[in-house]
Amino acid sequence: MESIQEREEIRKHNGLYTEILQILSVLQWILTFLLLGPVCVLLITWIVYSQLWLLIAIYIIWMISDWKTPERGGRRSVWMSRWSVWKYFRDYFPIKLHKTVDLDPRHNYIIGYHPHGIMSIGAFCNFGTDSTGFSEVFPNLRPHLTTLAGNFKVPLYRDYLLAAGMCSVTHSSIDYLLSSNGSGNAVVIVVGGSAEALNCTRNQHVLTLKKRKGFIRKALTNGAFLVPVYAFGENEVLQQYYFEPGSWKRKLQALFQQWIGFAPCIFFGQGIFSSSSKGIMPLRRAINTVVGKPIPVPRMKNPSEQQVDAYHTIYIDCLQEIFNAHKERFGLQQTDSLLVV
C-alpha cells in the first residue's frame, strides 16, 4: 500500500504536470496568434521558389474556389473545438461561461462581446472552442466568432481560422448567417475592435461603443435578437504600455490601425515559468464571461437612424445592467463603473 507521503508526492507530481500542460497550451495559442500568419506567408514564399511549387499552385486554385467560405458560414471543425489542449488553456486562467437565461435556438442572435482586451482571449475560448461547455449551456445554438476579413486572405492561416469556427465580419457574412443559414445561429462580434484594445488598462472599464451601431442595424435588418456579453477579467490578463492621446506613439498606433485594420499594442504579461518576471504569457487571472438576456428585435427592411439609436440605447443599458449586477461577484468594487466612449 502507498504511504501518505508517497500519495502526496504523486499528487504534487500530477499537479506540476498539469501546470506545465496549461502553460504550453497557452504558449502555443499566443505564438499562433502572433506568428502563424507571418510564418504561413514565409512558408508559401519558400515553397513557390522550390521544387514543390506545383503543390502551392494546386492549393491556390482550390483557395480561389473556396474564397467565399468565410462569408458563407465558415467551416467549423467540431473535432478541433474539442481538443484537449483547449481544456488546459481554459484552466490556466481559468475561463468560465455564465448563463443568465436560456437562448431559444428557434431564433438567430448577434452576441456582442465586451471588452476586447488585448487578444480577446475569452471570446476565443468561449465561442471558438467548446472547452467552457457552450454546446451544453446553450444546446442547439451554433456560435460563429467573427474576425477581420483580411485574415482569410492569408493562405493556410485562413484554414486554421475556419477550422476554429471563425467567419468574416463583413456585411455579407453576417447577413448570410442571420438570413440564409437557418435558425440557431449566434454571430459573435467583438464590437469594440482594435480601437478598444488601445484603451485596455487594468482596473479600468472603457468600452468603444458609443459610435458602434453597425451591429444594431444588422440585427434590425435580419430580425436577430441582440445579446450583450461582458467578460470580467479580460482586461486584467495582459498589460500594455499606454501612450497618451496626442503623443506621436499613439498617433502611430492610430495610423497603423487605419492602414492595416488593427492597432499594434505593446503588451506584456508574465514569464513562461515565472510570475515575477515580465514576458508574453498572460497573467493567471480569471475571465468570467456573463451572457446577458436577449433583446428581442423586430425585422425591419430599412431601419431609420432613430430606430437604430433606440435599440443602441437599450443595448448599452442592458450591458450596464450586467456589469453592475455582477461586478462585486467577480472582484470589482461597488464604486467601479463602466465607461462608454
Protein backbone atom coordinates (compact mmCIF):
# COMPACT_ATOMS: atom_id res chain seq x y z
CA MET A 1 0.00 0.00 0.00
CA GLU A 2 1.11 3.54 -0.75
CA SER A 3 2.11 5.67 2.21
CA ILE A 4 0.64 9.10 2.82
CA GLN A 5 3.96 10.66 1.79
CA GLU A 6 4.00 8.71 -1.50
CA ARG A 7 0.44 9.77 -2.31
CA GLU A 8 1.36 13.38 -1.57
CA GLU A 9 4.36 13.16 -3.90
CA ILE A 10 2.19 11.68 -6.65
CA ARG A 11 -0.35 14.47 -6.16
CA LYS A 12 2.35 17.13 -6.43
CA HIS A 13 3.82 15.45 -9.49
CA ASN A 14 0.43 15.31 -11.22
CA GLY A 15 -0.20 18.94 -10.28
CA LEU A 16 3.12 20.03 -11.74
CA TYR A 17 2.44 18.01 -14.90
CA THR A 18 -0.97 19.66 -15.30
CA GLU A 19 0.50 23.11 -14.73
CA ILE A 20 3.13 22.55 -17.43
CA LEU A 21 0.43 21.43 -19.88
CA GLN A 22 -1.57 24.57 -19.08
CA ILE A 23 1.45 26.77 -19.74
CA LEU A 24 2.27 25.02 -23.01
CA SER A 25 -1.35 25.22 -24.21
CA VAL A 26 -1.46 28.98 -23.66
CA LEU A 27 2.03 29.49 -25.11
CA GLN A 28 1.11 27.72 -28.34
CA TRP A 29 -2.01 29.89 -28.66
CA ILE A 30 -0.08 33.11 -28.07
CA LEU A 31 2.55 32.13 -30.64
CA THR A 32 -0.19 31.12 -33.08
CA PHE A 33 -1.93 34.48 -32.59
CA LEU A 34 1.28 36.44 -33.12
CA LEU A 35 3.26 34.37 -35.62
CA LEU A 36 1.15 31.88 -37.57
CA GLY A 37 0.09 34.43 -40.21
CA PRO A 38 3.63 35.68 -40.98
CA VAL A 39 5.01 32.12 -40.84
CA CYS A 40 2.42 30.96 -43.39
CA VAL A 41 3.41 33.82 -45.72
CA LEU A 42 7.10 32.92 -45.42
CA LEU A 43 6.38 29.22 -45.92
CA ILE A 44 4.32 29.86 -49.04
CA THR A 45 7.04 32.14 -50.44
CA TRP A 46 9.72 29.49 -49.84
CA ILE A 47 7.65 26.73 -51.47
CA VAL A 48 6.91 28.92 -54.51
CA TYR A 49 10.64 29.12 -55.23
CA SER A 50 11.27 25.44 -54.51
CA GLN A 51 10.59 22.24 -56.41
CA LEU A 52 7.27 21.96 -54.57
CA TRP A 53 5.78 24.99 -56.33
CA LEU A 54 3.18 22.80 -58.04
CA LEU A 55 1.61 21.99 -54.66
CA ILE A 56 1.11 25.68 -53.99
CA ALA A 57 -0.33 26.20 -57.46
CA ILE A 58 -2.90 23.48 -56.77
CA TYR A 59 -3.66 24.94 -53.33
CA ILE A 60 -4.14 28.46 -54.72
CA ILE A 61 -6.57 27.13 -57.34
CA TRP A 62 -8.52 25.40 -54.57
CA MET A 63 -8.32 28.52 -52.36
CA ILE A 64 -9.85 30.65 -55.13
CA SER A 65 -12.71 28.17 -55.47
CA ASP A 66 -13.13 28.30 -51.67
CA TRP A 67 -12.84 32.10 -51.47
CA LYS A 68 -16.40 32.75 -50.28
CA THR A 69 -16.42 30.17 -47.48
CA PRO A 70 -15.55 32.71 -44.72
CA GLU A 71 -18.67 34.65 -45.79
CA ARG A 72 -20.86 31.56 -46.12
CA GLY A 73 -20.90 30.17 -42.61
CA GLY A 74 -17.29 29.07 -42.44
CA ARG A 75 -16.07 25.51 -41.96
CA ARG A 76 -16.05 24.79 -38.23
CA SER A 77 -14.30 21.62 -37.12
CA VAL A 78 -16.15 20.07 -34.16
CA TRP A 79 -13.11 17.84 -33.62
CA MET A 80 -10.80 20.84 -33.31
CA SER A 81 -13.16 22.71 -30.99
CA ARG A 82 -12.96 19.78 -28.56
CA TRP A 83 -9.20 19.34 -28.49
CA SER A 84 -7.93 18.54 -25.00
CA VAL A 85 -5.44 21.40 -25.33
CA TRP A 86 -8.29 23.91 -25.00
CA LYS A 87 -9.25 22.50 -21.60
CA TYR A 88 -5.75 23.18 -20.33
CA PHE A 89 -5.96 26.61 -21.99
CA ARG A 90 -9.23 27.27 -20.13
CA ASP A 91 -7.90 26.13 -16.76
CA TYR A 92 -4.74 28.25 -16.95
CA PHE A 93 -6.70 31.43 -16.14
CA PRO A 94 -9.40 29.93 -15.57
CA ILE A 95 -12.14 30.96 -18.05
CA LYS A 96 -15.80 30.34 -17.23
CA LEU A 97 -19.05 30.90 -19.13
CA HIS A 98 -22.04 32.10 -17.10
CA LYS A 99 -25.62 31.92 -18.40
CA THR A 100 -28.30 34.26 -17.09
CA VAL A 101 -31.18 32.92 -19.23
CA ASP A 102 -31.73 30.34 -21.94
CA LEU A 103 -31.35 31.30 -25.62
CA ASP A 104 -34.08 29.81 -27.78
CA PRO A 105 -32.47 28.07 -30.81
CA ARG A 106 -35.52 28.97 -32.91
CA HIS A 107 -34.07 32.48 -33.16
CA ASN A 108 -30.83 33.90 -34.52
CA TYR A 109 -28.65 36.15 -32.38
CA ILE A 110 -25.93 38.77 -32.55
CA ILE A 111 -23.77 38.36 -29.46
CA GLY A 112 -21.78 41.49 -28.62
CA TYR A 113 -18.61 40.59 -26.71
CA HIS A 114 -17.08 43.20 -24.38
CA PRO A 115 -14.39 44.23 -23.68
CA HIS A 116 -11.94 43.47 -26.48
CA GLY A 117 -8.90 43.29 -24.21
CA ILE A 118 -5.55 42.81 -25.93
CA MET A 119 -6.24 39.47 -27.62
CA SER A 120 -9.92 38.67 -26.88
CA ILE A 121 -8.80 35.52 -25.10
CA GLY A 122 -12.19 34.90 -23.51
CA ALA A 123 -14.02 35.30 -26.81
CA PHE A 124 -11.88 32.63 -28.47
CA CYS A 125 -12.09 30.20 -25.57
CA ASN A 126 -15.85 30.52 -25.05
CA PHE A 127 -17.02 30.76 -28.67
CA GLY A 128 -14.14 29.39 -30.76
CA THR A 129 -13.80 26.21 -28.71
CA ASP A 130 -16.22 24.12 -26.69
CA SER A 131 -13.97 23.95 -23.63
CA THR A 132 -16.31 26.04 -21.45
CA GLY A 133 -19.32 23.99 -22.50
CA PHE A 134 -21.15 26.34 -24.86
CA SER A 135 -22.88 23.41 -26.61
CA GLU A 136 -24.23 22.21 -23.25
CA VAL A 137 -25.06 25.61 -21.78
CA PHE A 138 -26.86 26.69 -24.98
CA PRO A 139 -27.93 23.48 -26.75
CA ASN A 140 -28.70 23.57 -30.48
CA LEU A 141 -27.09 27.01 -30.83
CA ARG A 142 -24.16 27.42 -33.23
CA PRO A 143 -21.61 30.13 -32.33
CA HIS A 144 -19.79 31.91 -35.17
CA LEU A 145 -16.90 34.00 -33.89
CA THR A 146 -16.16 36.74 -36.44
CA THR A 147 -12.83 38.36 -37.27
CA LEU A 148 -11.33 40.72 -39.86
CA ALA A 149 -11.84 39.67 -43.47
CA GLY A 150 -8.15 40.27 -44.20
CA ASN A 151 -7.19 37.31 -42.02
CA PHE A 152 -8.82 34.96 -44.52
CA LYS A 153 -6.65 36.19 -47.38
CA VAL A 154 -3.52 34.60 -45.93
CA PRO A 155 -3.03 31.09 -47.38
CA LEU A 156 -3.04 28.22 -44.84
CA TYR A 157 -3.69 30.64 -41.97
CA ARG A 158 -7.25 31.04 -43.25
CA ASP A 159 -7.81 27.29 -42.99
CA TYR A 160 -6.77 27.29 -39.34
CA LEU A 161 -9.22 30.12 -38.61
CA LEU A 162 -12.02 28.38 -40.49
CA ALA A 163 -11.43 25.13 -38.61
CA ALA A 164 -11.61 27.13 -35.36
CA GLY A 165 -15.15 28.16 -36.33
CA MET A 166 -14.38 31.73 -37.34
CA CYS A 167 -16.14 33.69 -40.06
CA SER A 168 -15.59 37.03 -41.72
CA VAL A 169 -17.13 40.05 -40.02
CA THR A 170 -18.21 41.56 -43.36
CA HIS A 171 -21.78 42.65 -44.10
CA SER A 172 -22.43 39.76 -46.49
CA SER A 173 -21.11 37.21 -43.99
CA ILE A 174 -23.34 38.44 -41.17
CA ASP A 175 -26.37 38.66 -43.48
CA TYR A 176 -25.80 35.10 -44.67
CA LEU A 177 -25.55 33.68 -41.15
CA LEU A 178 -28.66 35.51 -39.98
CA SER A 179 -30.90 35.07 -43.01
CA SER A 180 -29.72 32.17 -45.19
CA ASN A 181 -28.35 29.63 -42.72
CA GLY A 182 -31.50 28.64 -40.87
CA SER A 183 -32.10 29.35 -37.17
CA GLY A 184 -29.97 28.73 -34.12
CA ASN A 185 -27.05 30.89 -35.28
CA ALA A 186 -25.17 33.11 -32.83
CA VAL A 187 -22.91 35.62 -34.57
CA VAL A 188 -20.27 36.72 -32.08
CA ILE A 189 -18.83 40.19 -32.70
CA VAL A 190 -16.14 41.78 -30.54
CA VAL A 191 -17.76 45.16 -31.02
CA GLY A 192 -15.02 47.45 -29.70
CA GLY A 193 -12.43 46.06 -32.10
CA SER A 194 -8.81 47.14 -32.18
CA ALA A 195 -9.72 50.72 -31.19
CA GLU A 196 -10.92 49.41 -27.85
CA ALA A 197 -7.72 47.41 -27.40
CA LEU A 198 -5.84 50.70 -27.16
CA ASN A 199 -7.93 51.54 -24.08
CA CYS A 200 -7.27 48.20 -22.43
CA THR A 201 -5.96 49.09 -18.99
CA ARG A 202 -6.10 47.13 -15.76
CA ASN A 203 -8.75 48.24 -13.27
CA GLN A 204 -10.45 50.40 -15.90
CA HIS A 205 -13.56 49.52 -17.85
CA VAL A 206 -13.74 51.61 -21.01
CA LEU A 207 -15.78 50.42 -24.00
CA THR A 208 -15.57 51.81 -27.52
CA LEU A 209 -19.27 51.57 -28.22
CA LYS A 210 -20.94 54.97 -28.45
CA LYS A 211 -20.49 55.22 -32.23
CA ARG A 212 -20.52 51.47 -32.97
CA LYS A 213 -24.02 50.97 -34.35
CA GLY A 214 -23.49 48.77 -37.40
CA PHE A 215 -24.24 45.58 -35.47
CA ILE A 216 -27.52 47.12 -34.26
CA ARG A 217 -28.55 47.84 -37.85
CA LYS A 218 -27.65 44.27 -38.85
CA ALA A 219 -29.81 42.91 -36.05
CA LEU A 220 -32.75 45.03 -37.20
CA THR A 221 -32.49 44.21 -40.91
CA ASN A 222 -32.31 40.48 -40.11
CA GLY A 223 -34.62 40.34 -37.10
CA ALA A 224 -31.83 38.85 -34.94
CA PHE A 225 -32.02 39.20 -31.17
CA LEU A 226 -29.22 41.15 -29.51
CA VAL A 227 -27.30 39.54 -26.65
CA PRO A 228 -24.84 41.68 -24.62
CA VAL A 229 -21.89 39.82 -23.07
CA TYR A 230 -19.38 41.15 -20.58
CA ALA A 231 -16.17 39.30 -19.74
CA PHE A 232 -14.92 40.28 -16.29
CA GLY A 233 -11.14 39.91 -16.22
CA GLU A 234 -10.47 40.23 -19.96
CA ASN A 235 -8.59 43.48 -19.36
CA GLU A 236 -6.59 42.00 -16.49
CA VAL A 237 -4.73 39.12 -18.14
CA LEU A 238 -2.37 41.28 -20.20
CA GLN A 239 -0.97 44.76 -19.67
CA GLN A 240 0.18 47.23 -22.27
CA TYR A 241 2.38 50.27 -22.42
CA TYR A 242 -0.21 53.03 -22.57
CA PHE A 243 0.57 56.01 -24.77
CA GLU A 244 -1.22 59.26 -24.03
CA PRO A 245 -3.66 60.55 -26.69
CA GLY A 246 -1.89 63.09 -28.87
CA SER A 247 1.58 61.58 -28.40
CA TRP A 248 3.48 60.52 -31.51
CA LYS A 249 3.40 56.90 -30.38
CA ARG A 250 -0.39 56.95 -30.04
CA LYS A 251 -0.69 58.64 -33.45
CA LEU A 252 1.48 55.90 -34.95
CA GLN A 253 -0.82 53.26 -33.48
CA ALA A 254 -3.87 55.03 -34.91
CA LEU A 255 -2.20 55.32 -38.32
CA PHE A 256 -1.33 51.64 -38.31
CA GLN A 257 -4.94 50.82 -37.37
CA GLN A 258 -6.22 52.93 -40.27
CA TRP A 259 -3.93 51.26 -42.81
CA ILE A 260 -3.91 47.65 -41.63
CA GLY A 261 -7.18 47.32 -39.73
CA PHE A 262 -5.80 46.72 -36.25
CA ALA A 263 -3.67 48.65 -33.80
CA PRO A 264 -0.33 47.24 -32.59
CA CYS A 265 -0.37 47.06 -28.80
CA ILE A 266 2.93 46.70 -26.98
CA PHE A 267 1.84 44.30 -24.27
CA PHE A 268 3.36 42.14 -21.58
CA GLY A 269 2.32 39.61 -19.02
CA GLN A 270 4.47 37.27 -17.02
CA GLY A 271 7.36 34.99 -17.80
CA ILE A 272 6.74 31.50 -19.15
CA PHE A 273 7.69 29.77 -15.91
CA SER A 274 7.91 32.74 -13.55
CA SER A 275 5.10 35.02 -12.45
CA SER A 276 7.59 37.52 -11.01
CA SER A 277 9.15 38.44 -14.37
CA LYS A 278 7.70 40.09 -17.45
CA GLY A 279 7.04 38.06 -20.59
CA ILE A 280 4.47 37.17 -23.25
CA MET A 281 2.46 34.78 -21.07
CA PRO A 282 -0.88 36.15 -19.81
CA LEU A 283 -1.32 36.57 -16.08
CA ARG A 284 -3.31 33.89 -14.30
CA ARG A 285 -6.45 35.95 -13.82
CA ALA A 286 -9.97 34.55 -14.02
CA ILE A 287 -12.10 35.56 -17.02
CA ASN A 288 -15.78 35.27 -16.14
CA THR A 289 -17.94 35.69 -19.23
CA VAL A 290 -21.54 36.63 -18.43
CA VAL A 291 -24.08 36.13 -21.23
CA GLY A 292 -26.96 38.55 -20.70
CA LYS A 293 -30.63 38.37 -21.54
CA PRO A 294 -31.56 38.59 -25.24
CA ILE A 295 -33.12 41.80 -26.51
CA PRO A 296 -35.98 40.99 -28.92
CA VAL A 297 -35.51 42.84 -32.19
CA PRO A 298 -38.13 43.13 -34.97
CA ARG A 299 -37.17 42.67 -38.61
CA MET A 300 -37.04 46.00 -40.47
CA LYS A 301 -36.02 46.28 -44.10
CA ASN A 302 -34.74 49.84 -43.81
CA PRO A 303 -34.49 50.89 -40.15
CA SER A 304 -34.26 54.62 -39.55
CA GLU A 305 -31.46 56.27 -37.62
CA GLN A 306 -33.91 56.90 -34.78
CA GLN A 307 -34.79 53.21 -34.59
CA VAL A 308 -31.12 52.19 -34.64
CA ASP A 309 -30.36 54.73 -31.91
CA ALA A 310 -33.26 53.46 -29.79
CA TYR A 311 -32.04 49.85 -29.81
CA HIS A 312 -28.47 51.00 -29.36
CA THR A 313 -29.51 52.77 -26.16
CA ILE A 314 -31.38 49.68 -24.96
CA TYR A 315 -28.31 47.56 -25.66
CA ILE A 316 -25.98 49.84 -23.68
CA ASP A 317 -28.44 49.93 -20.77
CA CYS A 318 -28.57 46.10 -20.71
CA LEU A 319 -24.78 45.93 -20.81
CA GLN A 320 -24.55 48.39 -17.92
CA GLU A 321 -27.06 46.23 -16.04
CA ILE A 322 -24.89 43.13 -16.48
CA PHE A 323 -21.81 45.00 -15.30
CA ASN A 324 -23.46 46.45 -12.21
CA ALA A 325 -25.22 43.21 -11.26
CA HIS A 326 -22.09 41.03 -11.36
CA LYS A 327 -19.11 43.33 -10.74
CA GLU A 328 -18.80 42.67 -7.00
CA ARG A 329 -19.27 38.94 -7.52
CA PHE A 330 -16.18 38.91 -9.73
CA GLY A 331 -13.89 41.02 -7.60
CA LEU A 332 -14.67 44.62 -8.57
CA GLN A 333 -15.63 47.39 -6.21
CA GLN A 334 -19.16 48.69 -5.78
CA THR A 335 -17.87 52.08 -6.94
CA ASP A 336 -16.42 50.72 -10.22
CA SER A 337 -18.33 51.90 -13.26
CA LEU A 338 -18.49 51.13 -16.96
CA LEU A 339 -17.49 53.98 -19.27
CA VAL A 340 -18.83 54.01 -22.84
CA VAL A 341 -16.96 56.21 -25.28
